[in-house]
Amino acid sequence: MNSENKRKHERIQSLNLSYICLDEDNNIVKQGMGRTLNISESGILLETHFPIEPNHTIQLTISLEEDLLDIKGKPVHVQSIDGGKYHIGIQFVDLDTSASNILQNYISVDGTKK
């Protein structure tokens, strides 16, 4: 990591995923497919066709090679971009040890492919 990059974890390019957006009462308010712009051990940058509210919870299903991860997250920033799309920064919450280990392994292996 260079001195200009202040991020805690390295970001790796990823794939498409499915997600469910839940309100404060755990009611499903949106669901769909999104494109991951990058992924790290602590979060993901997701591209969607609609914004996600900061007080909502996101349940992500991410395919990393042979592993399928179910991860919960919270939106930390939303940016409107051209074409009616949104970039949503999501911080992982309650990440279990198994999912964390799979993410770390994927990032370390994928990071060597650059």
N, C-alpha and C. Protein backbone atom coordinates (compact mmCIF):
# COMPACT_ATOMS: atom_id res chain seq x y z
N MET A 1 0.85 -1.16 0.00
CA MET A 1 0.00 0.00 0.00
C MET A 1 0.90 1.23 0.00
N ASN A 2 0.66 2.18 -0.89
CA ASN A 2 1.51 3.36 -0.94
C ASN A 2 1.08 4.39 0.10
N SER A 3 1.90 5.41 0.29
CA SER A 3 1.63 6.40 1.34
C SER A 3 0.42 7.26 1.02
N GLU A 4 0.00 7.33 -0.24
CA GLU A 4 -1.16 8.15 -0.62
C GLU A 4 -2.47 7.42 -0.35
N ASN A 5 -2.43 6.09 -0.27
CA ASN A 5 -3.63 5.31 -0.05
C ASN A 5 -3.87 5.19 1.45
N LYS A 6 -4.92 5.82 1.94
CA LYS A 6 -5.20 5.84 3.37
C LYS A 6 -6.17 4.73 3.78
N ARG A 7 -6.51 3.85 2.86
CA ARG A 7 -7.45 2.78 3.15
C ARG A 7 -6.81 1.73 4.05
N LYS A 8 -7.63 1.18 4.93
CA LYS A 8 -7.16 0.18 5.87
C LYS A 8 -6.90 -1.16 5.17
N HIS A 9 -7.72 -1.50 4.16
CA HIS A 9 -7.58 -2.77 3.45
C HIS A 9 -7.49 -2.54 1.95
N GLU A 10 -6.72 -3.38 1.28
CA GLU A 10 -6.58 -3.32 -0.17
C GLU A 10 -7.91 -3.64 -0.84
N ARG A 11 -8.21 -2.97 -1.97
CA ARG A 11 -9.43 -3.22 -2.74
C ARG A 11 -9.10 -4.11 -3.93
N ILE A 12 -9.97 -5.08 -4.19
CA ILE A 12 -9.80 -6.01 -5.30
C ILE A 12 -11.06 -5.94 -6.17
N GLN A 13 -10.87 -6.00 -7.49
CA GLN A 13 -12.01 -6.03 -8.40
C GLN A 13 -12.78 -7.32 -8.17
N SER A 14 -14.11 -7.28 -8.34
CA SER A 14 -14.93 -8.45 -8.08
C SER A 14 -15.97 -8.63 -9.17
N LEU A 15 -17.04 -9.33 -8.86
CA LEU A 15 -18.03 -9.74 -9.84
C LEU A 15 -19.42 -9.23 -9.49
N ASN A 16 -20.42 -9.80 -10.16
CA ASN A 16 -21.81 -9.47 -9.84
C ASN A 16 -22.24 -10.18 -8.56
N LEU A 17 -23.28 -9.65 -7.95
CA LEU A 17 -23.80 -10.26 -6.73
C LEU A 17 -25.29 -9.99 -6.64
N SER A 18 -25.95 -10.70 -5.74
CA SER A 18 -27.35 -10.41 -5.46
C SER A 18 -27.43 -9.78 -4.07
N TYR A 19 -28.46 -8.97 -3.87
CA TYR A 19 -28.60 -8.31 -2.58
C TYR A 19 -30.07 -8.13 -2.23
N ILE A 20 -30.30 -8.03 -0.93
CA ILE A 20 -31.62 -7.72 -0.37
C ILE A 20 -31.42 -6.54 0.55
N CYS A 21 -32.26 -5.53 0.40
CA CYS A 21 -32.20 -4.33 1.22
C CYS A 21 -33.34 -4.39 2.24
N LEU A 22 -33.00 -4.27 3.52
CA LEU A 22 -33.97 -4.36 4.61
C LEU A 22 -34.09 -3.02 5.33
N ASP A 23 -35.32 -2.68 5.73
CA ASP A 23 -35.51 -1.45 6.51
C ASP A 23 -35.22 -1.73 7.98
N GLU A 24 -35.49 -0.74 8.84
CA GLU A 24 -35.18 -0.85 10.27
C GLU A 24 -35.94 -1.99 10.94
N ASP A 25 -37.10 -2.39 10.37
CA ASP A 25 -37.91 -3.47 10.93
C ASP A 25 -37.65 -4.81 10.25
N ASN A 26 -36.57 -4.89 9.47
CA ASN A 26 -36.19 -6.09 8.72
C ASN A 26 -37.19 -6.49 7.64
N ASN A 27 -37.94 -5.51 7.12
CA ASN A 27 -38.81 -5.75 5.97
C ASN A 27 -38.00 -5.54 4.70
N ILE A 28 -38.22 -6.42 3.71
CA ILE A 28 -37.53 -6.27 2.43
C ILE A 28 -38.12 -5.07 1.70
N VAL A 29 -37.26 -4.11 1.35
CA VAL A 29 -37.72 -2.93 0.61
C VAL A 29 -37.21 -2.92 -0.83
N LYS A 30 -36.11 -3.60 -1.09
CA LYS A 30 -35.55 -3.70 -2.44
C LYS A 30 -34.73 -4.97 -2.52
N GLN A 31 -34.63 -5.50 -3.72
CA GLN A 31 -33.71 -6.61 -3.96
C GLN A 31 -33.34 -6.62 -5.42
N GLY A 32 -32.20 -7.19 -5.71
CA GLY A 32 -31.78 -7.23 -7.10
C GLY A 32 -30.36 -7.71 -7.25
N MET A 33 -29.84 -7.45 -8.43
CA MET A 33 -28.46 -7.79 -8.76
C MET A 33 -27.67 -6.49 -8.83
N GLY A 34 -26.44 -6.54 -8.41
CA GLY A 34 -25.57 -5.38 -8.48
C GLY A 34 -24.21 -5.80 -9.00
N ARG A 35 -23.45 -4.81 -9.37
CA ARG A 35 -22.09 -5.08 -9.84
C ARG A 35 -21.13 -4.54 -8.79
N THR A 36 -20.21 -5.38 -8.36
CA THR A 36 -19.21 -4.90 -7.41
C THR A 36 -18.11 -4.20 -8.17
N LEU A 37 -17.78 -3.02 -7.73
CA LEU A 37 -16.69 -2.27 -8.35
C LEU A 37 -15.37 -2.62 -7.70
N ASN A 38 -15.39 -2.89 -6.40
CA ASN A 38 -14.24 -3.43 -5.70
C ASN A 38 -14.69 -3.99 -4.36
N ILE A 39 -13.82 -4.78 -3.77
CA ILE A 39 -14.14 -5.43 -2.50
C ILE A 39 -12.87 -5.48 -1.65
N SER A 40 -13.05 -5.32 -0.34
CA SER A 40 -11.94 -5.43 0.60
C SER A 40 -12.40 -6.29 1.77
N GLU A 41 -11.54 -6.45 2.74
CA GLU A 41 -11.89 -7.22 3.94
C GLU A 41 -12.97 -6.53 4.77
N SER A 42 -13.12 -5.23 4.60
CA SER A 42 -14.06 -4.50 5.45
C SER A 42 -15.29 -3.97 4.72
N GLY A 43 -15.32 -4.08 3.39
CA GLY A 43 -16.48 -3.54 2.69
C GLY A 43 -16.42 -3.75 1.19
N ILE A 44 -17.41 -3.15 0.53
CA ILE A 44 -17.57 -3.34 -0.90
C ILE A 44 -18.12 -2.06 -1.52
N LEU A 45 -17.73 -1.78 -2.75
CA LEU A 45 -18.32 -0.68 -3.51
C LEU A 45 -19.22 -1.33 -4.55
N LEU A 46 -20.52 -1.05 -4.44
CA LEU A 46 -21.55 -1.69 -5.23
C LEU A 46 -22.19 -0.70 -6.19
N GLU A 47 -22.45 -1.12 -7.43
CA GLU A 47 -23.17 -0.29 -8.39
C GLU A 47 -24.58 -0.85 -8.54
N THR A 48 -25.59 0.02 -8.32
CA THR A 48 -26.99 -0.39 -8.43
C THR A 48 -27.74 0.61 -9.31
N HIS A 49 -29.02 0.31 -9.56
CA HIS A 49 -29.87 1.19 -10.36
C HIS A 49 -30.75 2.09 -9.49
N PHE A 50 -30.60 2.01 -8.18
CA PHE A 50 -31.34 2.90 -7.28
C PHE A 50 -30.54 3.09 -6.00
N PRO A 51 -30.79 4.21 -5.30
CA PRO A 51 -30.05 4.46 -4.06
C PRO A 51 -30.53 3.55 -2.93
N ILE A 52 -29.68 3.39 -1.95
CA ILE A 52 -30.03 2.64 -0.75
C ILE A 52 -29.89 3.58 0.44
N GLU A 53 -30.89 3.60 1.27
CA GLU A 53 -30.92 4.52 2.41
C GLU A 53 -29.86 4.13 3.45
N PRO A 54 -29.24 5.14 4.09
CA PRO A 54 -28.19 4.88 5.08
C PRO A 54 -28.65 4.06 6.29
N ASN A 55 -29.94 4.12 6.62
CA ASN A 55 -30.44 3.39 7.79
C ASN A 55 -30.89 1.97 7.45
N HIS A 56 -30.69 1.54 6.20
CA HIS A 56 -31.07 0.20 5.80
C HIS A 56 -29.90 -0.77 5.98
N THR A 57 -30.22 -2.04 6.04
CA THR A 57 -29.23 -3.11 6.10
C THR A 57 -29.26 -3.83 4.76
N ILE A 58 -28.08 -4.23 4.28
CA ILE A 58 -27.97 -4.93 3.01
C ILE A 58 -27.49 -6.35 3.28
N GLN A 59 -28.20 -7.34 2.76
CA GLN A 59 -27.74 -8.72 2.80
C GLN A 59 -27.21 -9.06 1.42
N LEU A 60 -25.91 -9.31 1.34
CA LEU A 60 -25.23 -9.58 0.08
C LEU A 60 -24.94 -11.06 -0.06
N THR A 61 -25.10 -11.57 -1.27
CA THR A 61 -24.64 -12.91 -1.60
C THR A 61 -23.60 -12.74 -2.69
N ILE A 62 -22.35 -13.04 -2.33
CA ILE A 62 -21.21 -12.79 -3.21
C ILE A 62 -20.57 -14.12 -3.60
N SER A 63 -20.33 -14.29 -4.89
CA SER A 63 -19.64 -15.47 -5.39
C SER A 63 -18.17 -15.12 -5.61
N LEU A 64 -17.29 -15.76 -4.85
CA LEU A 64 -15.85 -15.57 -5.00
C LEU A 64 -15.26 -16.92 -5.41
N GLU A 65 -15.05 -17.08 -6.71
CA GLU A 65 -14.56 -18.35 -7.26
C GLU A 65 -15.48 -19.47 -6.81
N GLU A 66 -15.03 -20.41 -6.00
CA GLU A 66 -15.85 -21.56 -5.61
C GLU A 66 -16.67 -21.31 -4.34
N ASP A 67 -16.49 -20.17 -3.71
CA ASP A 67 -17.17 -19.88 -2.45
C ASP A 67 -18.33 -18.93 -2.65
N LEU A 68 -19.43 -19.19 -1.95
CA LEU A 68 -20.59 -18.32 -1.95
C LEU A 68 -20.72 -17.75 -0.54
N LEU A 69 -20.60 -16.42 -0.42
CA LEU A 69 -20.63 -15.77 0.89
C LEU A 69 -21.92 -15.00 1.08
N ASP A 70 -22.53 -15.15 2.25
CA ASP A 70 -23.67 -14.32 2.65
C ASP A 70 -23.14 -13.36 3.70
N ILE A 71 -23.18 -12.06 3.37
CA ILE A 71 -22.58 -11.04 4.23
C ILE A 71 -23.58 -9.91 4.43
N LYS A 72 -23.63 -9.41 5.66
CA LYS A 72 -24.49 -8.28 5.98
C LYS A 72 -23.66 -7.00 6.00
N GLY A 73 -24.26 -5.89 5.55
CA GLY A 73 -23.54 -4.63 5.54
C GLY A 73 -24.45 -3.43 5.73
N LYS A 74 -23.83 -2.28 5.94
CA LYS A 74 -24.53 -1.00 6.09
C LYS A 74 -23.97 -0.01 5.08
N PRO A 75 -24.83 0.74 4.39
CA PRO A 75 -24.34 1.77 3.46
C PRO A 75 -23.65 2.88 4.24
N VAL A 76 -22.46 3.28 3.78
CA VAL A 76 -21.74 4.38 4.42
C VAL A 76 -21.67 5.60 3.52
N HIS A 77 -21.85 5.41 2.21
CA HIS A 77 -21.98 6.55 1.30
C HIS A 77 -22.68 6.11 0.02
N VAL A 78 -23.41 7.05 -0.60
CA VAL A 78 -24.13 6.81 -1.84
C VAL A 78 -23.81 7.95 -2.79
N GLN A 79 -23.43 7.60 -4.03
CA GLN A 79 -23.10 8.62 -5.03
C GLN A 79 -23.89 8.34 -6.30
N SER A 80 -24.64 9.34 -6.77
CA SER A 80 -25.35 9.24 -8.04
C SER A 80 -24.35 9.43 -9.18
N ILE A 81 -24.41 8.54 -10.19
CA ILE A 81 -23.52 8.66 -11.34
C ILE A 81 -24.37 8.71 -12.60
N ASP A 82 -23.73 8.87 -13.75
CA ASP A 82 -24.43 8.95 -15.03
C ASP A 82 -25.24 7.69 -15.30
N GLY A 83 -26.31 7.85 -16.09
CA GLY A 83 -27.10 6.71 -16.52
C GLY A 83 -28.06 6.17 -15.49
N GLY A 84 -28.39 6.96 -14.47
CA GLY A 84 -29.33 6.52 -13.46
C GLY A 84 -28.80 5.42 -12.55
N LYS A 85 -27.50 5.37 -12.39
CA LYS A 85 -26.89 4.36 -11.52
C LYS A 85 -26.33 5.03 -10.27
N TYR A 86 -26.06 4.19 -9.28
CA TYR A 86 -25.54 4.66 -8.00
C TYR A 86 -24.35 3.81 -7.58
N HIS A 87 -23.35 4.46 -7.02
CA HIS A 87 -22.24 3.76 -6.38
C HIS A 87 -22.48 3.83 -4.88
N ILE A 88 -22.53 2.67 -4.25
CA ILE A 88 -22.85 2.60 -2.83
C ILE A 88 -21.71 1.91 -2.09
N GLY A 89 -21.09 2.63 -1.17
CA GLY A 89 -20.06 2.06 -0.32
C GLY A 89 -20.72 1.36 0.84
N ILE A 90 -20.43 0.09 1.01
CA ILE A 90 -21.06 -0.71 2.06
C ILE A 90 -19.98 -1.26 2.98
N GLN A 91 -20.16 -1.02 4.27
CA GLN A 91 -19.24 -1.56 5.28
C GLN A 91 -19.84 -2.85 5.82
N PHE A 92 -19.04 -3.92 5.84
CA PHE A 92 -19.51 -5.19 6.37
C PHE A 92 -19.73 -5.07 7.88
N VAL A 93 -20.78 -5.73 8.36
CA VAL A 93 -21.06 -5.80 9.80
C VAL A 93 -21.27 -7.26 10.18
N ASP A 94 -20.89 -7.60 11.40
CA ASP A 94 -21.07 -8.96 11.93
C ASP A 94 -20.49 -10.02 11.00
N LEU A 95 -19.31 -9.76 10.45
CA LEU A 95 -18.65 -10.70 9.54
C LEU A 95 -18.10 -11.86 10.35
N ASP A 96 -18.56 -13.08 10.04
CA ASP A 96 -18.07 -14.23 10.80
C ASP A 96 -16.66 -14.62 10.36
N THR A 97 -16.00 -15.42 11.17
CA THR A 97 -14.60 -15.79 10.93
C THR A 97 -14.42 -16.52 9.61
N SER A 98 -15.33 -17.41 9.28
CA SER A 98 -15.23 -18.17 8.03
C SER A 98 -15.28 -17.24 6.82
N ALA A 99 -16.25 -16.34 6.78
CA ALA A 99 -16.37 -15.40 5.67
C ALA A 99 -15.16 -14.48 5.61
N SER A 100 -14.69 -14.04 6.76
CA SER A 100 -13.50 -13.18 6.81
C SER A 100 -12.28 -13.90 6.24
N ASN A 101 -12.11 -15.17 6.60
CA ASN A 101 -10.98 -15.95 6.08
C ASN A 101 -11.07 -16.14 4.57
N ILE A 102 -12.27 -16.42 4.07
CA ILE A 102 -12.46 -16.59 2.62
C ILE A 102 -12.15 -15.29 1.90
N LEU A 103 -12.63 -14.16 2.43
CA LEU A 103 -12.33 -12.85 1.83
C LEU A 103 -10.83 -12.58 1.82
N GLN A 104 -10.17 -12.80 2.95
CA GLN A 104 -8.72 -12.57 3.03
C GLN A 104 -7.97 -13.42 2.01
N ASN A 105 -8.36 -14.68 1.89
CA ASN A 105 -7.71 -15.58 0.95
C ASN A 105 -7.95 -15.12 -0.49
N TYR A 106 -9.19 -14.77 -0.81
CA TYR A 106 -9.52 -14.30 -2.16
C TYR A 106 -8.73 -13.05 -2.51
N ILE A 107 -8.67 -12.11 -1.58
CA ILE A 107 -7.97 -10.85 -1.84
C ILE A 107 -6.47 -11.09 -2.00
N SER A 108 -5.89 -11.95 -1.15
CA SER A 108 -4.44 -12.18 -1.27
C SER A 108 -4.11 -12.93 -2.55
N VAL A 109 -4.94 -13.88 -2.97
CA VAL A 109 -4.71 -14.61 -4.22
C VAL A 109 -4.98 -13.71 -5.41
N ASP A 110 -6.12 -13.01 -5.42
CA ASP A 110 -6.47 -12.14 -6.55
C ASP A 110 -5.50 -10.98 -6.67
N GLY A 111 -5.00 -10.50 -5.56
CA GLY A 111 -4.06 -9.38 -5.58
C GLY A 111 -2.75 -9.73 -6.28
N THR A 112 -2.42 -11.02 -6.31
CA THR A 112 -1.19 -11.43 -6.98
C THR A 112 -1.38 -11.57 -8.49
N LYS A 113 -2.63 -11.49 -8.97
CA LYS A 113 -2.92 -11.64 -10.40
C LYS A 113 -2.78 -10.35 -11.17
N LYS A 114 -2.52 -9.24 -10.50
CA LYS A 114 -2.48 -7.93 -11.15
C LYS A 114 -1.37 -7.82 -12.17
